[in-house]
Amino acid sequence: MPNLDAAIDVVNAGGRPGPGILVDTLHFDRSGRSVEQLARTPPSRLPFAHVADAPVQKSYTTEELLHAGRSERLPPGEGEIDIRRVLEHMPDGIPVALEVPMTAMAVAEGFEAVALRVRQAASRLLRD
Protein backbone atom coordinates (compact mmCIF):
# COMPACT_ATOMS: atom_id res chain seq x y z
CA MET A 1 0.00 0.00 0.00
CA PRO A 2 1.40 3.41 -0.83
CA ASN A 3 0.02 5.05 2.33
CA LEU A 4 -2.40 4.76 5.23
CA ASP A 5 -5.33 6.23 3.26
CA ALA A 6 -5.04 3.47 0.66
CA ALA A 7 -4.76 0.76 3.33
CA ILE A 8 -7.84 2.08 5.13
CA ASP A 9 -9.79 2.13 1.86
CA VAL A 10 -8.87 -1.51 1.17
CA VAL A 11 -9.84 -2.85 4.60
CA ASN A 12 -13.05 -0.80 4.62
CA ALA A 13 -13.99 -1.99 1.13
CA GLY A 14 -14.02 -5.54 2.44
CA GLY A 15 -17.06 -4.67 4.53
CA ARG A 16 -15.91 -6.81 7.44
CA PRO A 17 -14.72 -5.73 10.89
CA GLY A 18 -11.74 -8.14 11.10
CA PRO A 19 -9.07 -6.98 8.65
CA GLY A 20 -6.40 -4.72 10.08
CA ILE A 21 -3.43 -2.68 8.93
CA LEU A 22 0.13 -3.53 9.89
CA VAL A 23 1.91 -0.24 10.55
CA ASP A 24 5.63 -0.43 9.80
CA THR A 25 7.49 2.64 11.08
CA LEU A 26 9.87 2.70 8.09
CA HIS A 27 7.13 2.53 5.47
CA PHE A 28 4.79 4.80 7.43
CA ASP A 29 7.48 7.48 7.64
CA ARG A 30 8.24 7.23 3.94
CA SER A 31 4.57 7.36 2.94
CA GLY A 32 4.34 10.98 4.05
CA ARG A 33 1.42 10.41 6.39
CA SER A 34 0.99 12.04 9.78
CA VAL A 35 0.65 10.38 13.14
CA GLU A 36 -2.56 12.33 13.65
CA GLN A 37 -4.01 10.17 10.87
CA LEU A 38 -3.21 7.11 13.00
CA ALA A 39 -5.14 8.66 15.88
CA ARG A 40 -8.19 9.02 13.62
CA THR A 41 -8.02 5.38 12.49
CA PRO A 42 -10.26 3.00 14.43
CA PRO A 43 -8.05 1.09 16.90
CA SER A 44 -9.50 -2.22 15.68
CA ARG A 45 -7.87 -1.54 12.31
CA LEU A 46 -4.40 -1.18 13.89
CA PRO A 47 -3.70 -4.54 15.54
CA PHE A 48 0.08 -4.78 15.06
CA ALA A 49 3.24 -2.74 14.42
CA HIS A 50 6.67 -3.39 12.96
CA VAL A 51 9.41 -1.12 14.30
CA ALA A 52 12.67 -0.22 12.59
CA ASP A 53 14.60 2.97 12.02
CA ALA A 54 16.45 4.64 9.16
CA PRO A 55 17.84 7.98 8.03
CA VAL A 56 15.14 10.38 6.84
CA GLN A 57 15.52 12.44 3.68
CA LYS A 58 13.22 14.40 1.36
CA SER A 59 13.10 11.77 -1.36
CA TYR A 60 14.44 8.31 -2.07
CA THR A 61 15.44 6.44 -5.18
CA THR A 62 13.73 3.16 -5.88
CA GLU A 63 17.03 1.42 -5.16
CA GLU A 64 17.29 3.11 -1.75
CA LEU A 65 13.73 2.12 -0.86
CA LEU A 66 14.26 -1.50 -1.85
CA HIS A 67 17.60 -1.73 -0.06
CA ALA A 68 16.16 -0.42 3.22
CA GLY A 69 12.98 -2.44 2.88
CA ARG A 70 14.72 -5.74 2.20
CA SER A 71 18.32 -5.63 3.42
CA GLU A 72 19.33 -2.87 5.78
CA ARG A 73 17.51 -0.93 8.46
CA LEU A 74 18.66 0.58 11.70
CA PRO A 75 17.66 -0.55 15.17
CA PRO A 76 15.01 1.61 16.84
CA GLY A 77 16.41 4.93 18.00
CA GLU A 78 19.53 4.80 15.82
CA GLY A 79 17.97 6.61 12.86
CA GLU A 80 15.76 9.63 12.39
CA ILE A 81 12.23 8.19 12.31
CA ASP A 82 10.13 9.45 15.20
CA ILE A 83 9.25 5.96 16.39
CA ARG A 84 8.00 7.05 19.79
CA ARG A 85 5.51 9.41 18.25
CA VAL A 86 4.19 6.71 15.92
CA LEU A 87 3.81 4.24 18.80
CA GLU A 88 2.07 6.86 20.96
CA HIS A 89 -0.68 6.99 18.32
CA MET A 90 -1.12 3.22 18.10
CA PRO A 91 -3.61 1.35 20.28
CA ASP A 92 -2.40 0.25 23.71
CA GLY A 93 -1.50 -3.39 24.18
CA ILE A 94 -0.90 -4.36 20.55
CA PRO A 95 2.02 -6.60 19.60
CA VAL A 96 5.08 -4.69 18.42
CA ALA A 97 7.75 -6.54 16.47
CA LEU A 98 11.27 -5.40 15.72
CA GLU A 99 11.74 -5.86 11.98
CA VAL A 100 15.36 -4.89 11.44
CA PRO A 101 17.10 -6.66 8.59
CA MET A 102 20.82 -5.96 8.96
CA THR A 103 22.35 -8.17 6.28
CA ALA A 104 25.85 -6.69 6.31
CA MET A 105 26.23 -7.02 10.08
CA ALA A 106 24.76 -10.53 10.05
CA VAL A 107 27.34 -11.62 7.48
CA ALA A 108 30.21 -9.92 9.32
CA GLU A 109 29.32 -10.69 12.94
CA GLY A 110 26.51 -13.24 12.95
CA PHE A 111 22.82 -13.17 13.72
CA GLU A 112 23.32 -13.22 17.48
CA ALA A 113 25.26 -9.94 17.31
CA VAL A 114 22.45 -8.40 15.26
CA ALA A 115 19.81 -9.58 17.73
CA LEU A 116 21.78 -8.21 20.67
CA ARG A 117 22.27 -4.80 19.04
CA VAL A 118 18.59 -4.54 18.12
CA ARG A 119 17.43 -5.59 21.59
CA GLN A 120 19.76 -3.10 23.28
CA ALA A 121 18.63 -0.29 20.99
CA ALA A 122 14.96 -1.05 21.63
CA SER A 123 15.59 -1.10 25.38
CA ARG A 124 17.31 2.31 25.21
CA LEU A 125 14.46 3.76 23.15
CA LEU A 126 11.83 2.55 25.58
CA ARG A 127 13.83 3.56 28.64
CA ASP A 128 14.72 7.13 27.58
C-alpha atoms as a PDB file:
ATOM      1  CA  MET A   1       0.000   0.000   0.000  1.00  0.00           C
ATOM      2  CA  PRO A   2       1.400   3.415  -0.828  1.00  0.00           C
ATOM      3  CA  ASN A   3       0.020   5.046   2.327  1.00  0.00           C
ATOM      4  CA  LEU A   4      -2.396   4.764   5.232  1.00  0.00           C
ATOM      5  CA  ASP A   5      -5.326   6.226   3.262  1.00  0.00           C
ATOM      6  CA  ALA A   6      -5.038   3.467   0.660  1.00  0.00           C
ATOM      7  CA  ALA A   7      -4.759   0.759   3.329  1.00  0.00           C
ATOM      8  CA  ILE A   8      -7.842   2.084   5.133  1.00  0.00           C
ATOM      9  CA  ASP A   9      -9.791   2.127   1.859  1.00  0.00           C
ATOM     10  CA  VAL A  10      -8.871  -1.513   1.172  1.00  0.00           C
ATOM     11  CA  VAL A  11      -9.845  -2.848   4.600  1.00  0.00           C
ATOM     12  CA  ASN A  12     -13.052  -0.805   4.623  1.00  0.00           C
ATOM     13  CA  ALA A  13     -13.986  -1.995   1.134  1.00  0.00           C
ATOM     14  CA  GLY A  14     -14.025  -5.545   2.439  1.00  0.00           C
ATOM     15  CA  GLY A  15     -17.059  -4.671   4.530  1.00  0.00           C
ATOM     16  CA  ARG A  16     -15.911  -6.807   7.444  1.00  0.00           C
ATOM     17  CA  PRO A  17     -14.718  -5.732  10.886  1.00  0.00           C
ATOM     18  CA  GLY A  18     -11.742  -8.143  11.105  1.00  0.00           C
ATOM     19  CA  PRO A  19      -9.065  -6.982   8.650  1.00  0.00           C
ATOM     20  CA  GLY A  20      -6.399  -4.721  10.076  1.00  0.00           C
ATOM     21  CA  ILE A  21      -3.432  -2.678   8.932  1.00  0.00           C
ATOM     22  CA  LEU A  22       0.126  -3.529   9.889  1.00  0.00           C
ATOM     23  CA  VAL A  23       1.912  -0.242  10.554  1.00  0.00           C
ATOM     24  CA  ASP A  24       5.630  -0.426   9.795  1.00  0.00           C
ATOM     25  CA  THR A  25       7.493   2.639  11.082  1.00  0.00           C
ATOM     26  CA  LEU A  26       9.870   2.701   8.092  1.00  0.00           C
ATOM     27  CA  HIS A  27       7.132   2.534   5.469  1.00  0.00           C
ATOM     28  CA  PHE A  28       4.792   4.802   7.432  1.00  0.00           C
ATOM     29  CA  ASP A  29       7.476   7.483   7.638  1.00  0.00           C
ATOM     30  CA  ARG A  30       8.237   7.231   3.937  1.00  0.00           C
ATOM     31  CA  SER A  31       4.570   7.355   2.945  1.00  0.00           C
ATOM     32  CA  GLY A  32       4.340  10.982   4.050  1.00  0.00           C
ATOM     33  CA  ARG A  33       1.421  10.406   6.394  1.00  0.00           C
ATOM     34  CA  SER A  34       0.986  12.043   9.776  1.00  0.00           C
ATOM     35  CA  VAL A  35       0.645  10.383  13.143  1.00  0.00           C
ATOM     36  CA  GLU A  36      -2.564  12.326  13.646  1.00  0.00           C
ATOM     37  CA  GLN A  37      -4.010  10.170  10.875  1.00  0.00           C
ATOM     38  CA  LEU A  38      -3.206   7.108  12.996  1.00  0.00           C
ATOM     39  CA  ALA A  39      -5.136   8.660  15.882  1.00  0.00           C
ATOM     40  CA  ARG A  40      -8.193   9.016  13.623  1.00  0.00           C
ATOM     41  CA  THR A  41      -8.017   5.382  12.493  1.00  0.00           C
ATOM     42  CA  PRO A  42     -10.264   3.000  14.434  1.00  0.00           C
ATOM     43  CA  PRO A  43      -8.045   1.090  16.900  1.00  0.00           C
ATOM     44  CA  SER A  44      -9.498  -2.225  15.680  1.00  0.00           C
ATOM     45  CA  ARG A  45      -7.874  -1.544  12.306  1.00  0.00           C
ATOM     46  CA  LEU A  46      -4.403  -1.176  13.889  1.00  0.00           C
ATOM     47  CA  PRO A  47      -3.699  -4.541  15.536  1.00  0.00           C
ATOM     48  CA  PHE A  48       0.079  -4.779  15.063  1.00  0.00           C
ATOM     49  CA  ALA A  49       3.237  -2.737  14.422  1.00  0.00           C
ATOM     50  CA  HIS A  50       6.671  -3.389  12.963  1.00  0.00           C
ATOM     51  CA  VAL A  51       9.406  -1.124  14.305  1.00  0.00           C
ATOM     52  CA  ALA A  52      12.670  -0.222  12.588  1.00  0.00           C
ATOM     53  CA  ASP A  53      14.595   2.973  12.022  1.00  0.00           C
ATOM     54  CA  ALA A  54      16.449   4.642   9.159  1.00  0.00           C
ATOM     55  CA  PRO A  55      17.840   7.976   8.031  1.00  0.00           C
ATOM     56  CA  VAL A  56      15.138  10.376   6.841  1.00  0.00           C
ATOM     57  CA  GLN A  57      15.517  12.438   3.684  1.00  0.00           C
ATOM     58  CA  LYS A  58      13.220  14.404   1.360  1.00  0.00           C
ATOM     59  CA  SER A  59      13.097  11.768  -1.358  1.00  0.00           C
ATOM     60  CA  TYR A  60      14.443   8.308  -2.070  1.00  0.00           C
ATOM     61  CA  THR A  61      15.439   6.441  -5.184  1.00  0.00           C
ATOM     62  CA  THR A  62      13.726   3.156  -5.878  1.00  0.00           C
ATOM     63  CA  GLU A  63      17.029   1.421  -5.162  1.00  0.00           C
ATOM     64  CA  GLU A  64      17.293   3.113  -1.746  1.00  0.00           C
ATOM     65  CA  LEU A  65      13.728   2.124  -0.856  1.00  0.00           C
ATOM     66  CA  LEU A  66      14.257  -1.497  -1.855  1.00  0.00           C
ATOM     67  CA  HIS A  67      17.598  -1.729  -0.061  1.00  0.00           C
ATOM     68  CA  ALA A  68      16.157  -0.418   3.220  1.00  0.00           C
ATOM     69  CA  GLY A  69      12.984  -2.444   2.884  1.00  0.00           C
ATOM     70  CA  ARG A  70      14.721  -5.741   2.203  1.00  0.00           C
ATOM     71  CA  SER A  71      18.316  -5.634   3.420  1.00  0.00           C
ATOM     72  CA  GLU A  72      19.334  -2.875   5.781  1.00  0.00           C
ATOM     73  CA  ARG A  73      17.511  -0.933   8.456  1.00  0.00           C
ATOM     74  CA  LEU A  74      18.662   0.579  11.700  1.00  0.00           C
ATOM     75  CA  PRO A  75      17.664  -0.553  15.169  1.00  0.00           C
ATOM     76  CA  PRO A  76      15.010   1.614  16.841  1.00  0.00           C
ATOM     77  CA  GLY A  77      16.407   4.935  18.001  1.00  0.00           C
ATOM     78  CA  GLU A  78      19.533   4.798  15.818  1.00  0.00           C
ATOM     79  CA  GLY A  79      17.974   6.609  12.864  1.00  0.00           C
ATOM     80  CA  GLU A  80      15.756   9.627  12.393  1.00  0.00           C
ATOM     81  CA  ILE A  81      12.230   8.191  12.314  1.00  0.00           C
ATOM     82  CA  ASP A  82      10.127   9.454  15.202  1.00  0.00           C
ATOM     83  CA  ILE A  83       9.246   5.958  16.394  1.00  0.00           C
ATOM     84  CA  ARG A  84       8.004   7.053  19.791  1.00  0.00           C
ATOM     85  CA  ARG A  85       5.507   9.410  18.246  1.00  0.00           C
ATOM     86  CA  VAL A  86       4.187   6.708  15.924  1.00  0.00           C
ATOM     87  CA  LEU A  87       3.814   4.240  18.800  1.00  0.00           C
ATOM     88  CA  GLU A  88       2.067   6.865  20.956  1.00  0.00           C
ATOM     89  CA  HIS A  89      -0.679   6.990  18.321  1.00  0.00           C
ATOM     90  CA  MET A  90      -1.117   3.225  18.100  1.00  0.00           C
ATOM     91  CA  PRO A  91      -3.615   1.355  20.280  1.00  0.00           C
ATOM     92  CA  ASP A  92      -2.398   0.248  23.707  1.00  0.00           C
ATOM     93  CA  GLY A  93      -1.505  -3.390  24.178  1.00  0.00           C
ATOM     94  CA  ILE A  94      -0.902  -4.356  20.547  1.00  0.00           C
ATOM     95  CA  PRO A  95       2.025  -6.598  19.604  1.00  0.00           C
ATOM     96  CA  VAL A  96       5.082  -4.687  18.421  1.00  0.00           C
ATOM     97  CA  ALA A  97       7.753  -6.543  16.468  1.00  0.00           C
ATOM     98  CA  LEU A  98      11.269  -5.401  15.723  1.00  0.00           C
ATOM     99  CA  GLU A  99      11.743  -5.861  11.982  1.00  0.00           C
ATOM    100  CA  VAL A 100      15.356  -4.892  11.444  1.00  0.00           C
ATOM    101  CA  PRO A 101      17.102  -6.655   8.587  1.00  0.00           C
ATOM    102  CA  MET A 102      20.819  -5.957   8.955  1.00  0.00           C
ATOM    103  CA  THR A 103      22.347  -8.167   6.284  1.00  0.00           C
ATOM    104  CA  ALA A 104      25.855  -6.692   6.312  1.00  0.00           C
ATOM    105  CA  MET A 105      26.234  -7.017  10.081  1.00  0.00           C
ATOM    106  CA  ALA A 106      24.762 -10.528  10.050  1.00  0.00           C
ATOM    107  CA  VAL A 107      27.340 -11.618   7.485  1.00  0.00           C
ATOM    108  CA  ALA A 108      30.210  -9.917   9.318  1.00  0.00           C
ATOM    109  CA  GLU A 109      29.324 -10.685  12.939  1.00  0.00           C
ATOM    110  CA  GLY A 110      26.507 -13.243  12.951  1.00  0.00           C
ATOM    111  CA  PHE A 111      22.821 -13.175  13.718  1.00  0.00           C
ATOM    112  CA  GLU A 112      23.318 -13.219  17.478  1.00  0.00           C
ATOM    113  CA  ALA A 113      25.264  -9.940  17.307  1.00  0.00           C
ATOM    114  CA  VAL A 114      22.452  -8.398  15.263  1.00  0.00           C
ATOM    115  CA  ALA A 115      19.811  -9.582  17.732  1.00  0.00           C
ATOM    116  CA  LEU A 116      21.779  -8.210  20.673  1.00  0.00           C
ATOM    117  CA  ARG A 117      22.273  -4.800  19.044  1.00  0.00           C
ATOM    118  CA  VAL A 118      18.593  -4.535  18.116  1.00  0.00           C
ATOM    119  CA  ARG A 119      17.432  -5.586  21.590  1.00  0.00           C
ATOM    120  CA  GLN A 120      19.757  -3.103  23.280  1.00  0.00           C
ATOM    121  CA  ALA A 121      18.631  -0.285  20.994  1.00  0.00           C
ATOM    122  CA  ALA A 122      14.959  -1.051  21.627  1.00  0.00           C
ATOM    123  CA  SER A 123      15.591  -1.101  25.379  1.00  0.00           C
ATOM    124  CA  ARG A 124      17.305   2.305  25.209  1.00  0.00           C
ATOM    125  CA  LEU A 125      14.462   3.760  23.145  1.00  0.00           C
ATOM    126  CA  LEU A 126      11.826   2.555  25.577  1.00  0.00           C
ATOM    127  CA  ARG A 127      13.826   3.558  28.643  1.00  0.00           C
ATOM    128  CA  ASP A 128      14.722   7.125  27.578  1.00  0.00           C
END
